[in-house]
Amino acid sequence: MASKNRGCLIAIGAAGLTVLVLLAGLYSLVWYRAWNPFIDDGPFHGVKRGDIPDGQPNQVFPIHDGLRLEVFDPNEDGRAPTVLLKNQDDQVLWCVYAVADEMGKTTVRSIRFKDWRHFPFKRPRVYGLIEWTYGSESCWWFIARDGHLEEYWYSW
C-alpha cells in the first residue's frame, strides 16, 4: 500500500513539475514578445524633420543618462507624430516624423512610450503604444546608449 501511495505522489509531482515548466515557457514567450519585434512592420528610420515643433510636447519620456524622448502629436497637416531626442544639455540629437512608410499608405495618429529596457547583450529599446491605420498596437524603438536612433518597428 505504501508503494502505491509513493507512486501516486511521484506521478502528481511529475505532473505538477510539467505544468510549471509549461507555464514558465509560456511566460517567457509572452515576455519575449512584449520586448521584441517578430513579424512586424519595420524597420523604419523616420523622416528627418528640418525644424523643431513649437509648443509643449504631448509626452516627455526619460530613458537613460539624461536622455529624453519628446513626442508631439500630429498637427492639422495630418503628418505623423514628431519624435525627438534631447540630451541632458537640452540639445536635440535627432528629430523625425514617426512615419510607418515613406509612401504615405499608413497614418500614425499617436505614440506614447511606456518603458525603457537595456538587456545584457542586447540593444537598448523603448517600448510603447501607437494608434495607427491598423488600430492600437505595440512599437519598439531601438536607441543606442549614445542616443543614435537605430530603427523602430510597429506591430500589426
N, C-alpha and C. Protein backbone atom coordinates (compact mmCIF):
# COMPACT_ATOMS: atom_id res chain seq x y z
N MET A 1 0.82 -1.19 0.00
CA MET A 1 0.00 0.00 0.00
C MET A 1 0.87 1.27 0.00
N ALA A 2 1.96 1.23 0.75
CA ALA A 2 2.83 2.40 0.81
C ALA A 2 3.48 2.69 -0.54
N SER A 3 3.79 1.61 -1.29
CA SER A 3 4.40 1.84 -2.59
C SER A 3 3.40 2.42 -3.57
N LYS A 4 2.09 2.08 -3.42
CA LYS A 4 1.06 2.68 -4.27
C LYS A 4 0.96 4.18 -4.01
N ASN A 5 0.97 4.54 -2.72
CA ASN A 5 0.90 5.97 -2.37
C ASN A 5 2.14 6.72 -2.86
N ARG A 6 3.28 6.04 -2.75
CA ARG A 6 4.51 6.67 -3.20
C ARG A 6 4.48 6.89 -4.71
N GLY A 7 4.01 5.91 -5.46
CA GLY A 7 3.90 6.02 -6.92
C GLY A 7 2.92 7.12 -7.31
N CYS A 8 1.82 7.23 -6.57
CA CYS A 8 0.83 8.28 -6.82
C CYS A 8 1.43 9.66 -6.57
N LEU A 9 2.18 9.80 -5.48
CA LEU A 9 2.82 11.09 -5.17
C LEU A 9 3.85 11.47 -6.23
N ILE A 10 4.59 10.48 -6.72
CA ILE A 10 5.57 10.75 -7.78
C ILE A 10 4.87 11.22 -9.04
N ALA A 11 3.76 10.58 -9.39
CA ALA A 11 3.00 10.97 -10.59
C ALA A 11 2.44 12.38 -10.44
N ILE A 12 1.92 12.70 -9.27
CA ILE A 12 1.38 14.05 -9.03
C ILE A 12 2.50 15.08 -9.09
N GLY A 13 3.65 14.75 -8.49
CA GLY A 13 4.80 15.66 -8.54
C GLY A 13 5.29 15.89 -9.96
N ALA A 14 5.36 14.82 -10.75
CA ALA A 14 5.80 14.95 -12.15
C ALA A 14 4.82 15.78 -12.95
N ALA A 15 3.52 15.58 -12.73
CA ALA A 15 2.51 16.37 -13.44
C ALA A 15 2.61 17.85 -13.04
N GLY A 16 2.80 18.10 -11.75
CA GLY A 16 2.94 19.48 -11.29
C GLY A 16 4.17 20.15 -11.87
N LEU A 17 5.28 19.43 -11.92
CA LEU A 17 6.51 19.96 -12.49
C LEU A 17 6.33 20.25 -13.99
N THR A 18 5.65 19.36 -14.69
CA THR A 18 5.38 19.58 -16.11
C THR A 18 4.57 20.84 -16.33
N VAL A 19 3.55 21.03 -15.51
CA VAL A 19 2.72 22.23 -15.62
C VAL A 19 3.55 23.47 -15.34
N LEU A 20 4.41 23.43 -14.32
CA LEU A 20 5.26 24.58 -14.01
C LEU A 20 6.22 24.90 -15.16
N VAL A 21 6.81 23.89 -15.78
CA VAL A 21 7.72 24.11 -16.90
C VAL A 21 6.95 24.72 -18.08
N LEU A 22 5.76 24.21 -18.37
CA LEU A 22 4.95 24.77 -19.46
C LEU A 22 4.56 26.22 -19.18
N LEU A 23 4.17 26.52 -17.94
CA LEU A 23 3.82 27.90 -17.58
C LEU A 23 5.03 28.82 -17.68
N ALA A 24 6.19 28.36 -17.25
CA ALA A 24 7.41 29.17 -17.36
C ALA A 24 7.75 29.42 -18.82
N GLY A 25 7.59 28.43 -19.66
CA GLY A 25 7.84 28.60 -21.09
C GLY A 25 6.88 29.60 -21.71
N LEU A 26 5.60 29.50 -21.36
CA LEU A 26 4.60 30.42 -21.88
C LEU A 26 4.87 31.84 -21.41
N TYR A 27 5.20 31.99 -20.13
CA TYR A 27 5.54 33.31 -19.60
C TYR A 27 6.74 33.90 -20.33
N SER A 28 7.77 33.07 -20.57
CA SER A 28 8.97 33.54 -21.28
C SER A 28 8.63 33.99 -22.69
N LEU A 29 7.78 33.25 -23.37
CA LEU A 29 7.37 33.61 -24.72
C LEU A 29 6.61 34.94 -24.74
N VAL A 30 5.69 35.11 -23.81
CA VAL A 30 4.93 36.36 -23.73
C VAL A 30 5.86 37.52 -23.39
N TRP A 31 6.77 37.32 -22.46
CA TRP A 31 7.72 38.37 -22.08
C TRP A 31 8.60 38.74 -23.27
N TYR A 32 9.11 37.73 -23.98
CA TYR A 32 9.97 37.99 -25.14
C TYR A 32 9.21 38.77 -26.19
N ARG A 33 7.99 38.38 -26.46
CA ARG A 33 7.18 39.05 -27.50
C ARG A 33 6.91 40.50 -27.14
N ALA A 34 6.74 40.79 -25.85
CA ALA A 34 6.46 42.16 -25.44
C ALA A 34 7.65 43.09 -25.67
N TRP A 35 8.85 42.55 -25.78
CA TRP A 35 10.04 43.38 -25.89
C TRP A 35 10.79 43.24 -27.21
N ASN A 36 10.26 42.43 -28.14
CA ASN A 36 10.96 42.21 -29.39
C ASN A 36 9.99 42.14 -30.56
N PRO A 37 10.33 42.84 -31.65
CA PRO A 37 9.50 42.67 -32.84
C PRO A 37 9.69 41.26 -33.40
N PHE A 38 8.64 40.76 -34.01
CA PHE A 38 8.70 39.41 -34.56
C PHE A 38 8.42 39.48 -36.06
N ILE A 39 7.18 39.40 -36.45
CA ILE A 39 6.80 39.56 -37.85
C ILE A 39 6.01 40.87 -37.91
N ASP A 40 6.68 41.96 -37.65
CA ASP A 40 6.03 43.26 -37.55
C ASP A 40 6.50 44.16 -38.69
N ASP A 41 5.92 45.34 -38.75
CA ASP A 41 6.29 46.29 -39.80
C ASP A 41 7.52 47.07 -39.37
N GLY A 42 8.49 47.11 -40.25
CA GLY A 42 9.73 47.80 -39.99
C GLY A 42 10.86 47.03 -40.62
N PRO A 43 12.07 47.45 -40.42
CA PRO A 43 12.44 48.59 -39.60
C PRO A 43 12.19 49.92 -40.32
N PHE A 44 11.83 50.92 -39.54
CA PHE A 44 11.65 52.28 -40.03
C PHE A 44 12.73 53.15 -39.41
N HIS A 45 13.00 54.28 -40.07
CA HIS A 45 14.01 55.22 -39.56
C HIS A 45 13.46 56.63 -39.44
N GLY A 46 12.21 56.82 -39.81
CA GLY A 46 11.58 58.13 -39.72
C GLY A 46 12.01 59.04 -40.86
N VAL A 47 11.27 60.11 -41.01
CA VAL A 47 11.60 61.14 -41.99
C VAL A 47 12.16 62.32 -41.21
N LYS A 48 13.42 62.68 -41.50
CA LYS A 48 14.05 63.78 -40.76
C LYS A 48 13.21 65.04 -40.89
N ARG A 49 13.11 65.71 -39.79
CA ARG A 49 12.37 66.97 -39.75
C ARG A 49 13.37 68.10 -39.68
N GLY A 50 13.19 69.12 -40.52
CA GLY A 50 14.13 70.23 -40.58
C GLY A 50 13.99 71.22 -39.45
N ASP A 51 12.81 71.26 -38.82
CA ASP A 51 12.59 72.20 -37.73
C ASP A 51 12.13 71.44 -36.50
N ILE A 52 12.14 72.14 -35.38
CA ILE A 52 11.68 71.58 -34.11
C ILE A 52 10.26 72.09 -33.88
N PRO A 53 9.33 71.23 -33.47
CA PRO A 53 7.95 71.70 -33.26
C PRO A 53 7.87 72.78 -32.20
N ASP A 54 6.91 73.67 -32.37
CA ASP A 54 6.64 74.70 -31.37
C ASP A 54 5.74 74.13 -30.27
N GLY A 55 5.75 74.77 -29.15
CA GLY A 55 4.85 74.40 -28.07
C GLY A 55 5.39 73.28 -27.20
N GLN A 56 4.53 72.85 -26.30
CA GLN A 56 4.88 71.80 -25.35
C GLN A 56 4.66 70.42 -25.97
N PRO A 57 5.55 69.48 -25.69
CA PRO A 57 5.34 68.13 -26.20
C PRO A 57 4.14 67.47 -25.51
N ASN A 58 3.53 66.50 -26.19
CA ASN A 58 2.43 65.74 -25.61
C ASN A 58 2.94 64.68 -24.64
N GLN A 59 4.20 64.30 -24.77
CA GLN A 59 4.82 63.37 -23.82
C GLN A 59 6.30 63.65 -23.74
N VAL A 60 6.84 63.60 -22.53
CA VAL A 60 8.27 63.63 -22.29
C VAL A 60 8.60 62.34 -21.58
N PHE A 61 9.50 61.55 -22.16
CA PHE A 61 9.80 60.23 -21.62
C PHE A 61 11.31 60.07 -21.42
N PRO A 62 11.78 60.07 -20.15
CA PRO A 62 13.22 59.90 -19.89
C PRO A 62 13.63 58.45 -20.16
N ILE A 63 14.81 58.27 -20.77
CA ILE A 63 15.27 56.90 -20.99
C ILE A 63 16.50 56.58 -20.14
N HIS A 64 17.63 57.23 -20.34
CA HIS A 64 18.82 56.96 -19.52
C HIS A 64 19.82 58.09 -19.68
N ASP A 65 20.68 58.21 -18.68
CA ASP A 65 21.80 59.16 -18.72
C ASP A 65 21.39 60.56 -19.16
N GLY A 66 20.22 61.01 -18.73
CA GLY A 66 19.76 62.36 -19.05
C GLY A 66 19.11 62.49 -20.41
N LEU A 67 19.08 61.42 -21.20
CA LEU A 67 18.41 61.47 -22.50
C LEU A 67 16.90 61.35 -22.29
N ARG A 68 16.15 62.08 -23.14
CA ARG A 68 14.69 62.00 -23.03
C ARG A 68 14.05 62.14 -24.40
N LEU A 69 13.03 61.36 -24.60
CA LEU A 69 12.23 61.44 -25.82
C LEU A 69 11.12 62.44 -25.61
N GLU A 70 10.83 63.21 -26.64
CA GLU A 70 9.68 64.11 -26.62
C GLU A 70 8.82 63.76 -27.81
N VAL A 71 7.51 63.67 -27.57
CA VAL A 71 6.56 63.31 -28.61
C VAL A 71 5.59 64.47 -28.81
N PHE A 72 5.42 64.84 -30.07
CA PHE A 72 4.45 65.86 -30.45
C PHE A 72 3.43 65.20 -31.37
N ASP A 73 2.17 65.22 -30.98
CA ASP A 73 1.13 64.65 -31.82
C ASP A 73 1.06 65.41 -33.14
N PRO A 74 0.52 64.77 -34.18
CA PRO A 74 0.43 65.45 -35.48
C PRO A 74 -0.40 66.73 -35.37
N ASN A 75 -0.02 67.73 -36.14
CA ASN A 75 -0.83 68.95 -36.15
C ASN A 75 -1.85 68.86 -37.28
N GLU A 76 -2.43 69.95 -37.64
CA GLU A 76 -3.51 69.95 -38.62
C GLU A 76 -3.10 69.47 -40.01
N ASP A 77 -1.80 69.45 -40.31
CA ASP A 77 -1.39 68.95 -41.63
C ASP A 77 -1.53 67.43 -41.74
N GLY A 78 -1.78 66.76 -40.61
CA GLY A 78 -2.04 65.33 -40.63
C GLY A 78 -0.81 64.45 -40.75
N ARG A 79 0.35 65.06 -40.72
CA ARG A 79 1.57 64.26 -40.80
C ARG A 79 1.72 63.42 -39.53
N ALA A 80 2.56 62.45 -39.54
CA ALA A 80 2.79 61.58 -38.40
C ALA A 80 3.30 62.36 -37.18
N PRO A 81 3.21 61.78 -35.99
CA PRO A 81 3.77 62.44 -34.81
C PRO A 81 5.27 62.71 -34.99
N THR A 82 5.74 63.71 -34.31
CA THR A 82 7.17 64.01 -34.28
C THR A 82 7.75 63.42 -33.01
N VAL A 83 8.87 62.73 -33.15
CA VAL A 83 9.60 62.20 -32.00
C VAL A 83 11.00 62.78 -32.08
N LEU A 84 11.46 63.33 -30.97
CA LEU A 84 12.82 63.85 -30.93
C LEU A 84 13.50 63.40 -29.65
N LEU A 85 14.82 63.41 -29.69
CA LEU A 85 15.61 63.02 -28.53
C LEU A 85 16.47 64.18 -28.12
N LYS A 86 16.41 64.52 -26.84
CA LYS A 86 17.25 65.58 -26.28
C LYS A 86 18.22 64.99 -25.26
N ASN A 87 19.38 65.62 -25.16
CA ASN A 87 20.34 65.18 -24.14
C ASN A 87 20.17 66.00 -22.87
N GLN A 88 21.03 65.76 -21.90
CA GLN A 88 20.93 66.43 -20.61
C GLN A 88 21.15 67.94 -20.71
N ASP A 89 21.79 68.40 -21.80
CA ASP A 89 22.01 69.84 -22.02
C ASP A 89 20.90 70.47 -22.83
N ASP A 90 19.81 69.74 -23.05
CA ASP A 90 18.64 70.21 -23.79
C ASP A 90 18.91 70.40 -25.28
N GLN A 91 19.95 69.75 -25.80
CA GLN A 91 20.24 69.79 -27.23
C GLN A 91 19.49 68.66 -27.93
N VAL A 92 18.95 68.97 -29.09
CA VAL A 92 18.24 67.96 -29.88
C VAL A 92 19.26 67.13 -30.64
N LEU A 93 19.24 65.81 -30.41
CA LEU A 93 20.16 64.91 -31.10
C LEU A 93 19.59 64.45 -32.44
N TRP A 94 18.29 64.26 -32.50
CA TRP A 94 17.60 63.95 -33.75
C TRP A 94 16.12 64.26 -33.59
N CYS A 95 15.48 64.47 -34.74
CA CYS A 95 14.06 64.83 -34.76
C CYS A 95 13.46 64.24 -36.04
N VAL A 96 12.46 63.37 -35.90
CA VAL A 96 11.87 62.70 -37.06
C VAL A 96 10.35 62.69 -36.98
N TYR A 97 9.73 62.65 -38.16
CA TYR A 97 8.33 62.26 -38.25
C TYR A 97 8.31 60.74 -38.13
N ALA A 98 7.50 60.22 -37.25
CA ALA A 98 7.46 58.78 -36.98
C ALA A 98 6.54 58.05 -37.95
N VAL A 99 6.84 58.18 -39.22
CA VAL A 99 6.02 57.56 -40.25
C VAL A 99 6.20 56.05 -40.24
N ALA A 100 5.19 55.37 -40.80
CA ALA A 100 5.26 53.92 -40.90
C ALA A 100 5.69 53.48 -42.30
N ASP A 101 5.71 54.39 -43.23
CA ASP A 101 6.25 54.14 -44.56
C ASP A 101 6.45 55.49 -45.24
N GLU A 102 7.32 55.50 -46.21
CA GLU A 102 7.60 56.74 -46.91
C GLU A 102 6.60 57.00 -48.04
N MET A 103 5.75 56.03 -48.34
CA MET A 103 4.79 56.16 -49.43
C MET A 103 3.46 56.77 -48.98
N GLY A 104 3.26 56.91 -47.67
CA GLY A 104 2.05 57.54 -47.17
C GLY A 104 0.82 56.65 -47.19
N LYS A 105 1.01 55.34 -47.22
CA LYS A 105 -0.13 54.42 -47.25
C LYS A 105 -0.68 54.14 -45.86
N THR A 106 0.03 54.52 -44.83
CA THR A 106 -0.44 54.35 -43.46
C THR A 106 -0.44 55.70 -42.75
N THR A 107 -1.23 55.79 -41.71
CA THR A 107 -1.32 57.01 -40.92
C THR A 107 -1.01 56.67 -39.46
N VAL A 108 -0.06 57.36 -38.89
CA VAL A 108 0.25 57.20 -37.47
C VAL A 108 -0.36 58.40 -36.75
N ARG A 109 -1.30 58.12 -35.84
CA ARG A 109 -2.01 59.20 -35.15
C ARG A 109 -1.37 59.60 -33.82
N SER A 110 -0.82 58.63 -33.11
CA SER A 110 -0.17 58.99 -31.84
C SER A 110 0.80 57.89 -31.42
N ILE A 111 1.77 58.29 -30.61
CA ILE A 111 2.72 57.37 -29.99
C ILE A 111 2.84 57.77 -28.53
N ARG A 112 2.82 56.77 -27.66
CA ARG A 112 3.09 57.00 -26.24
C ARG A 112 4.05 55.93 -25.77
N PHE A 113 5.20 56.38 -25.26
CA PHE A 113 6.19 55.45 -24.77
C PHE A 113 5.84 55.03 -23.35
N LYS A 114 6.11 53.76 -23.04
CA LYS A 114 5.72 53.19 -21.75
C LYS A 114 6.89 52.73 -20.90
N ASP A 115 7.95 52.21 -21.53
CA ASP A 115 9.03 51.62 -20.75
C ASP A 115 10.32 51.61 -21.56
N TRP A 116 11.44 51.62 -20.87
CA TRP A 116 12.75 51.54 -21.50
C TRP A 116 13.50 50.39 -20.85
N ARG A 117 14.18 49.60 -21.66
CA ARG A 117 14.95 48.48 -21.12
C ARG A 117 16.29 48.38 -21.83
N HIS A 118 17.28 47.97 -21.04
CA HIS A 118 18.57 47.62 -21.61
C HIS A 118 18.93 46.25 -21.07
N PHE A 119 18.85 45.25 -21.92
CA PHE A 119 19.13 43.88 -21.54
C PHE A 119 20.61 43.58 -21.77
N PRO A 120 21.18 42.72 -20.94
CA PRO A 120 22.57 42.32 -21.20
C PRO A 120 22.68 41.68 -22.59
N PHE A 121 23.70 42.06 -23.33
CA PHE A 121 24.00 41.51 -24.65
C PHE A 121 22.93 41.81 -25.70
N LYS A 122 22.06 42.78 -25.45
CA LYS A 122 21.04 43.16 -26.43
C LYS A 122 21.03 44.68 -26.57
N ARG A 123 20.43 45.14 -27.65
CA ARG A 123 20.32 46.58 -27.88
C ARG A 123 19.29 47.19 -26.93
N PRO A 124 19.56 48.41 -26.44
CA PRO A 124 18.54 49.10 -25.64
C PRO A 124 17.31 49.34 -26.49
N ARG A 125 16.14 49.35 -25.86
CA ARG A 125 14.90 49.56 -26.60
C ARG A 125 13.88 50.28 -25.74
N VAL A 126 13.02 51.02 -26.42
CA VAL A 126 11.91 51.70 -25.76
C VAL A 126 10.63 51.04 -26.28
N TYR A 127 9.78 50.66 -25.36
CA TYR A 127 8.51 50.02 -25.72
C TYR A 127 7.41 51.07 -25.61
N GLY A 128 6.47 51.03 -26.53
CA GLY A 128 5.37 51.97 -26.48
C GLY A 128 4.14 51.45 -27.21
N LEU A 129 3.14 52.31 -27.27
CA LEU A 129 1.88 52.00 -27.96
C LEU A 129 1.64 53.07 -29.01
N ILE A 130 1.13 52.65 -30.15
CA ILE A 130 0.79 53.59 -31.21
C ILE A 130 -0.67 53.42 -31.59
N GLU A 131 -1.22 54.48 -32.09
CA GLU A 131 -2.53 54.46 -32.76
C GLU A 131 -2.23 54.74 -34.21
N TRP A 132 -2.58 53.79 -35.08
CA TRP A 132 -2.29 53.98 -36.49
C TRP A 132 -3.32 53.29 -37.34
N THR A 133 -3.05 53.20 -38.62
CA THR A 133 -4.00 52.65 -39.58
C THR A 133 -4.57 51.31 -39.13
N TYR A 134 -3.77 50.50 -38.46
CA TYR A 134 -4.19 49.15 -38.07
C TYR A 134 -4.68 49.05 -36.63
N GLY A 135 -4.96 50.18 -36.00
CA GLY A 135 -5.51 50.17 -34.64
C GLY A 135 -4.48 50.53 -33.59
N SER A 136 -4.71 50.07 -32.40
CA SER A 136 -3.82 50.32 -31.26
C SER A 136 -2.85 49.14 -31.17
N GLU A 137 -1.56 49.43 -31.33
CA GLU A 137 -0.57 48.37 -31.42
C GLU A 137 0.67 48.71 -30.60
N SER A 138 1.57 47.75 -30.52
CA SER A 138 2.85 47.95 -29.84
C SER A 138 3.87 48.54 -30.80
N CYS A 139 4.89 49.17 -30.21
CA CYS A 139 6.02 49.62 -31.01
C CYS A 139 7.29 49.46 -30.20
N TRP A 140 8.40 49.30 -30.91
CA TRP A 140 9.71 49.17 -30.31
C TRP A 140 10.64 50.13 -31.00
N TRP A 141 11.29 50.98 -30.24
CA TRP A 141 12.28 51.92 -30.77
C TRP A 141 13.63 51.50 -30.21
N PHE A 142 14.58 51.26 -31.11
CA PHE A 142 15.92 50.85 -30.73
C PHE A 142 16.81 52.08 -30.79
N ILE A 143 17.21 52.55 -29.60
CA ILE A 143 18.01 53.76 -29.46
C ILE A 143 19.30 53.37 -28.73
N ALA A 144 20.42 53.57 -29.39
CA ALA A 144 21.71 53.19 -28.81
C ALA A 144 21.97 54.01 -27.54
N ARG A 145 22.86 53.52 -26.73
CA ARG A 145 23.16 54.20 -25.47
C ARG A 145 23.70 55.61 -25.70
N ASP A 146 24.30 55.87 -26.86
CA ASP A 146 24.79 57.21 -27.17
C ASP A 146 23.70 58.11 -27.74
N GLY A 147 22.48 57.57 -27.92
CA GLY A 147 21.36 58.36 -28.39
C GLY A 147 21.03 58.21 -29.86
N HIS A 148 21.83 57.47 -30.59
CA HIS A 148 21.59 57.26 -32.02
C HIS A 148 20.32 56.42 -32.23
N LEU A 149 19.42 56.91 -33.10
CA LEU A 149 18.22 56.14 -33.45
C LEU A 149 18.62 55.08 -34.47
N GLU A 150 18.57 53.83 -34.07
CA GLU A 150 18.94 52.75 -34.98
C GLU A 150 17.77 52.40 -35.90
N GLU A 151 16.59 52.18 -35.31
CA GLU A 151 15.40 51.81 -36.08
C GLU A 151 14.21 51.71 -35.14
N TYR A 152 13.02 51.63 -35.73
CA TYR A 152 11.84 51.33 -34.93
C TYR A 152 10.91 50.43 -35.71
N TRP A 153 10.04 49.75 -34.98
CA TRP A 153 9.11 48.76 -35.53
C TRP A 153 7.71 49.02 -35.00
N TYR A 154 6.72 48.80 -35.83
CA TYR A 154 5.32 48.88 -35.41
C TYR A 154 4.69 47.51 -35.58
N SER A 155 3.89 47.13 -34.62
CA SER A 155 3.18 45.86 -34.71
C SER A 155 2.00 45.99 -35.65
N TRP A 156 1.38 44.89 -35.99
CA TRP A 156 0.19 44.88 -36.84
C TRP A 156 -0.75 43.78 -36.41
